[in-house]
Amino acid sequence: MILTEAHRFIKIAGMSMSEALKRAWANFKLRVAMSKGIVKFYFQKVDGTIREAYGTLSSRLIPAIAGTDSRKKNDTVQSYWDTEKQEWRCYKKLNLMY
């Protein structure tokens, strides 16, 4: 999973294998931490500003989801539950600050 994501970063951004692996590991560690609780992290928004976010993926902290999700999945972004806005948000995995 880490190598697959690193290769995707290389293909999209043309970065070195070392940089791609660092970013892939940072995204993986953030997902693991968010699955356990609320995490403070930073990412660069599309307009270039840095965003401080408090998010989680823990099922005990996310409200129940009704219905089915038939949308196409996008592997270049990470969705998370924003605990400040109480909404689903996402960021580009390439823009995670580590």
N, C-alpha and C. Protein backbone atom coordinates (compact mmCIF):
# COMPACT_ATOMS: atom_id res chain seq x y z
N MET A 1 0.83 -1.19 0.00
CA MET A 1 0.00 0.00 0.00
C MET A 1 0.88 1.27 0.00
N ILE A 2 1.93 1.27 0.80
CA ILE A 2 2.82 2.43 0.87
C ILE A 2 3.52 2.63 -0.48
N LEU A 3 4.03 1.55 -1.04
CA LEU A 3 4.74 1.65 -2.32
C LEU A 3 3.81 2.06 -3.46
N THR A 4 2.59 1.56 -3.45
CA THR A 4 1.61 1.94 -4.47
C THR A 4 1.35 3.43 -4.43
N GLU A 5 1.17 3.95 -3.22
CA GLU A 5 0.92 5.38 -3.08
C GLU A 5 2.16 6.20 -3.46
N ALA A 6 3.34 5.71 -3.10
CA ALA A 6 4.58 6.41 -3.46
C ALA A 6 4.74 6.46 -4.98
N HIS A 7 4.44 5.37 -5.65
CA HIS A 7 4.53 5.36 -7.12
C HIS A 7 3.51 6.31 -7.74
N ARG A 8 2.34 6.43 -7.13
CA ARG A 8 1.34 7.38 -7.61
C ARG A 8 1.87 8.81 -7.47
N PHE A 9 2.53 9.12 -6.34
CA PHE A 9 3.11 10.45 -6.14
C PHE A 9 4.18 10.74 -7.18
N ILE A 10 5.01 9.75 -7.49
CA ILE A 10 6.06 9.92 -8.49
C ILE A 10 5.44 10.23 -9.85
N LYS A 11 4.40 9.47 -10.19
CA LYS A 11 3.75 9.64 -11.48
C LYS A 11 3.06 11.01 -11.59
N ILE A 12 2.38 11.43 -10.52
CA ILE A 12 1.63 12.69 -10.55
C ILE A 12 2.55 13.90 -10.46
N ALA A 13 3.48 13.89 -9.49
CA ALA A 13 4.27 15.08 -9.21
C ALA A 13 5.70 15.00 -9.71
N GLY A 14 6.13 13.84 -10.18
CA GLY A 14 7.48 13.70 -10.68
C GLY A 14 8.55 13.85 -9.61
N MET A 15 8.23 13.49 -8.38
CA MET A 15 9.18 13.63 -7.28
C MET A 15 10.09 12.42 -7.17
N SER A 16 11.12 12.53 -6.37
CA SER A 16 12.05 11.42 -6.17
C SER A 16 11.38 10.32 -5.35
N MET A 17 11.94 9.12 -5.44
CA MET A 17 11.40 7.99 -4.69
C MET A 17 11.49 8.26 -3.19
N SER A 18 12.56 8.88 -2.74
CA SER A 18 12.73 9.20 -1.32
C SER A 18 11.62 10.13 -0.83
N GLU A 19 11.38 11.21 -1.56
CA GLU A 19 10.34 12.16 -1.18
C GLU A 19 8.96 11.51 -1.24
N ALA A 20 8.72 10.71 -2.25
CA ALA A 20 7.43 10.04 -2.40
C ALA A 20 7.18 9.08 -1.24
N LEU A 21 8.20 8.34 -0.83
CA LEU A 21 8.04 7.42 0.30
C LEU A 21 7.79 8.17 1.60
N LYS A 22 8.46 9.31 1.81
CA LYS A 22 8.22 10.12 3.00
C LYS A 22 6.77 10.57 3.06
N ARG A 23 6.25 11.04 1.94
CA ARG A 23 4.86 11.51 1.89
C ARG A 23 3.87 10.35 2.07
N ALA A 24 4.17 9.22 1.46
CA ALA A 24 3.29 8.06 1.59
C ALA A 24 3.23 7.58 3.04
N TRP A 25 4.40 7.52 3.71
CA TRP A 25 4.43 7.12 5.12
C TRP A 25 3.71 8.14 5.99
N ALA A 26 3.87 9.43 5.72
CA ALA A 26 3.19 10.47 6.50
C ALA A 26 1.67 10.32 6.39
N ASN A 27 1.17 10.05 5.19
CA ASN A 27 -0.27 9.86 4.99
C ASN A 27 -0.75 8.61 5.70
N PHE A 28 0.03 7.54 5.63
CA PHE A 28 -0.34 6.29 6.29
C PHE A 28 -0.41 6.48 7.81
N LYS A 29 0.62 7.11 8.39
CA LYS A 29 0.65 7.33 9.83
C LYS A 29 -0.49 8.22 10.29
N LEU A 30 -0.85 9.22 9.48
CA LEU A 30 -1.96 10.10 9.82
C LEU A 30 -3.28 9.32 9.81
N ARG A 31 -3.49 8.47 8.79
CA ARG A 31 -4.71 7.66 8.74
C ARG A 31 -4.83 6.76 9.96
N VAL A 32 -3.73 6.14 10.35
CA VAL A 32 -3.74 5.26 11.53
C VAL A 32 -4.08 6.06 12.79
N ALA A 33 -3.45 7.22 12.95
CA ALA A 33 -3.72 8.05 14.12
C ALA A 33 -5.17 8.54 14.13
N MET A 34 -5.70 8.93 12.96
CA MET A 34 -7.09 9.40 12.90
C MET A 34 -8.08 8.28 13.16
N SER A 35 -7.72 7.04 12.87
CA SER A 35 -8.63 5.93 13.14
C SER A 35 -8.76 5.66 14.64
N LYS A 36 -7.82 6.20 15.43
CA LYS A 36 -7.85 5.99 16.88
C LYS A 36 -8.43 7.18 17.64
N GLY A 37 -8.45 8.36 17.03
CA GLY A 37 -8.96 9.54 17.73
C GLY A 37 -8.80 10.80 16.91
N ILE A 38 -8.91 11.94 17.59
CA ILE A 38 -8.80 13.25 16.94
C ILE A 38 -7.33 13.62 16.82
N VAL A 39 -6.93 14.09 15.64
CA VAL A 39 -5.54 14.41 15.35
C VAL A 39 -5.46 15.83 14.78
N LYS A 40 -4.46 16.57 15.23
CA LYS A 40 -4.17 17.89 14.66
C LYS A 40 -3.12 17.69 13.57
N PHE A 41 -3.40 18.22 12.38
CA PHE A 41 -2.45 18.11 11.27
C PHE A 41 -2.57 19.34 10.38
N TYR A 42 -1.61 19.48 9.46
CA TYR A 42 -1.55 20.62 8.56
C TYR A 42 -1.46 20.14 7.12
N PHE A 43 -2.09 20.89 6.23
CA PHE A 43 -1.94 20.63 4.81
C PHE A 43 -2.03 21.94 4.05
N GLN A 44 -1.49 21.92 2.85
CA GLN A 44 -1.52 23.11 2.00
C GLN A 44 -2.77 23.05 1.15
N LYS A 45 -3.58 24.10 1.21
CA LYS A 45 -4.79 24.17 0.41
C LYS A 45 -4.43 24.46 -1.04
N VAL A 46 -5.38 24.32 -1.94
CA VAL A 46 -5.16 24.54 -3.36
C VAL A 46 -4.71 25.97 -3.64
N ASP A 47 -5.19 26.93 -2.85
CA ASP A 47 -4.79 28.33 -3.06
C ASP A 47 -3.41 28.66 -2.48
N GLY A 48 -2.75 27.68 -1.85
CA GLY A 48 -1.40 27.87 -1.34
C GLY A 48 -1.30 28.16 0.14
N THR A 49 -2.42 28.44 0.80
CA THR A 49 -2.38 28.71 2.23
C THR A 49 -2.27 27.41 3.02
N ILE A 50 -1.74 27.51 4.23
CA ILE A 50 -1.60 26.35 5.10
C ILE A 50 -2.82 26.26 6.00
N ARG A 51 -3.41 25.10 6.09
CA ARG A 51 -4.62 24.89 6.90
C ARG A 51 -4.29 24.00 8.07
N GLU A 52 -4.66 24.43 9.26
CA GLU A 52 -4.57 23.60 10.46
C GLU A 52 -5.90 22.88 10.60
N ALA A 53 -5.87 21.58 10.73
CA ALA A 53 -7.11 20.81 10.79
C ALA A 53 -7.10 19.87 11.99
N TYR A 54 -8.27 19.64 12.53
CA TYR A 54 -8.48 18.65 13.58
C TYR A 54 -9.47 17.65 13.01
N GLY A 55 -9.00 16.43 12.77
CA GLY A 55 -9.85 15.46 12.11
C GLY A 55 -9.77 14.08 12.72
N THR A 56 -10.72 13.24 12.33
CA THR A 56 -10.77 11.88 12.81
C THR A 56 -11.39 10.97 11.76
N LEU A 57 -11.09 9.69 11.88
CA LEU A 57 -11.74 8.65 11.10
C LEU A 57 -12.33 7.59 12.04
N SER A 58 -12.28 7.87 13.34
CA SER A 58 -12.77 6.93 14.35
C SER A 58 -14.29 6.82 14.27
N SER A 59 -14.80 5.60 14.15
CA SER A 59 -16.24 5.40 14.01
C SER A 59 -17.01 5.82 15.25
N ARG A 60 -16.37 5.84 16.40
CA ARG A 60 -17.07 6.26 17.62
C ARG A 60 -17.21 7.79 17.72
N LEU A 61 -16.48 8.53 16.90
CA LEU A 61 -16.55 9.99 16.92
C LEU A 61 -17.27 10.59 15.72
N ILE A 62 -17.63 9.75 14.76
CA ILE A 62 -18.29 10.20 13.53
C ILE A 62 -19.77 9.86 13.63
N PRO A 63 -20.66 10.77 13.26
CA PRO A 63 -22.09 10.44 13.28
C PRO A 63 -22.42 9.35 12.26
N ALA A 64 -23.51 8.68 12.49
CA ALA A 64 -23.94 7.60 11.60
C ALA A 64 -24.21 8.13 10.20
N ILE A 65 -23.84 7.34 9.21
CA ILE A 65 -24.03 7.71 7.81
C ILE A 65 -25.23 6.95 7.26
N ALA A 66 -26.17 7.69 6.68
CA ALA A 66 -27.38 7.06 6.12
C ALA A 66 -27.23 6.94 4.61
N GLY A 67 -27.80 5.89 4.05
CA GLY A 67 -27.78 5.72 2.61
C GLY A 67 -26.54 5.00 2.11
N THR A 68 -26.42 4.99 0.80
CA THR A 68 -25.28 4.32 0.18
C THR A 68 -24.40 5.35 -0.52
N ASP A 69 -23.15 5.01 -0.69
CA ASP A 69 -22.20 5.91 -1.35
C ASP A 69 -21.84 5.30 -2.69
N SER A 70 -22.44 5.82 -3.75
CA SER A 70 -22.20 5.28 -5.09
C SER A 70 -21.23 6.15 -5.89
N ARG A 71 -20.59 7.12 -5.21
CA ARG A 71 -19.65 8.00 -5.90
C ARG A 71 -18.36 7.26 -6.23
N LYS A 72 -17.71 7.71 -7.28
CA LYS A 72 -16.42 7.14 -7.67
C LYS A 72 -15.35 7.57 -6.67
N LYS A 73 -14.52 6.65 -6.25
CA LYS A 73 -13.47 6.94 -5.27
C LYS A 73 -12.29 7.64 -5.94
N ASN A 74 -11.69 8.59 -5.23
CA ASN A 74 -10.54 9.33 -5.73
C ASN A 74 -9.36 9.00 -4.82
N ASP A 75 -8.35 8.31 -5.35
CA ASP A 75 -7.21 7.88 -4.55
C ASP A 75 -6.22 8.99 -4.25
N THR A 76 -6.38 10.16 -4.85
CA THR A 76 -5.42 11.24 -4.63
C THR A 76 -5.81 12.14 -3.47
N VAL A 77 -6.99 11.95 -2.88
CA VAL A 77 -7.42 12.76 -1.74
C VAL A 77 -7.75 11.87 -0.55
N GLN A 78 -7.66 12.45 0.64
CA GLN A 78 -8.01 11.75 1.86
C GLN A 78 -9.18 12.48 2.51
N SER A 79 -10.26 11.78 2.73
CA SER A 79 -11.41 12.36 3.42
C SER A 79 -11.25 12.16 4.91
N TYR A 80 -11.80 13.08 5.69
CA TYR A 80 -11.76 12.98 7.15
C TYR A 80 -12.93 13.75 7.73
N TRP A 81 -13.30 13.44 8.97
CA TRP A 81 -14.36 14.15 9.67
C TRP A 81 -13.70 15.31 10.42
N ASP A 82 -14.05 16.54 10.01
CA ASP A 82 -13.52 17.74 10.65
C ASP A 82 -14.29 17.96 11.95
N THR A 83 -13.60 17.85 13.08
CA THR A 83 -14.27 17.94 14.38
C THR A 83 -14.62 19.38 14.76
N GLU A 84 -14.01 20.37 14.10
CA GLU A 84 -14.35 21.76 14.37
C GLU A 84 -15.61 22.17 13.60
N LYS A 85 -15.67 21.83 12.32
CA LYS A 85 -16.80 22.19 11.46
C LYS A 85 -17.93 21.17 11.53
N GLN A 86 -17.65 19.98 12.08
CA GLN A 86 -18.62 18.88 12.13
C GLN A 86 -19.13 18.53 10.74
N GLU A 87 -18.18 18.43 9.80
CA GLU A 87 -18.48 18.09 8.40
C GLU A 87 -17.37 17.21 7.86
N TRP A 88 -17.70 16.51 6.77
CA TRP A 88 -16.67 15.77 6.04
C TRP A 88 -15.85 16.74 5.23
N ARG A 89 -14.55 16.59 5.24
CA ARG A 89 -13.61 17.41 4.48
C ARG A 89 -12.60 16.48 3.81
N CYS A 90 -11.78 17.04 2.93
CA CYS A 90 -10.72 16.24 2.33
C CYS A 90 -9.55 17.15 1.99
N TYR A 91 -8.40 16.52 1.79
CA TYR A 91 -7.20 17.22 1.36
C TYR A 91 -6.48 16.36 0.35
N LYS A 92 -5.69 17.00 -0.50
CA LYS A 92 -4.88 16.24 -1.46
C LYS A 92 -3.73 15.60 -0.69
N LYS A 93 -3.53 14.32 -0.87
CA LYS A 93 -2.49 13.59 -0.15
C LYS A 93 -1.10 14.17 -0.41
N LEU A 94 -0.89 14.69 -1.60
CA LEU A 94 0.40 15.31 -1.92
C LEU A 94 0.65 16.57 -1.11
N ASN A 95 -0.40 17.21 -0.60
CA ASN A 95 -0.26 18.49 0.09
C ASN A 95 -0.19 18.37 1.61
N LEU A 96 -0.11 17.16 2.13
CA LEU A 96 0.01 16.98 3.58
C LEU A 96 1.37 17.50 4.04
N MET A 97 1.37 18.31 5.08
CA MET A 97 2.61 18.83 5.66
C MET A 97 3.07 17.82 6.70
N TYR A 98 4.30 17.40 6.62
CA TYR A 98 4.81 16.39 7.57
C TYR A 98 6.04 16.87 8.27
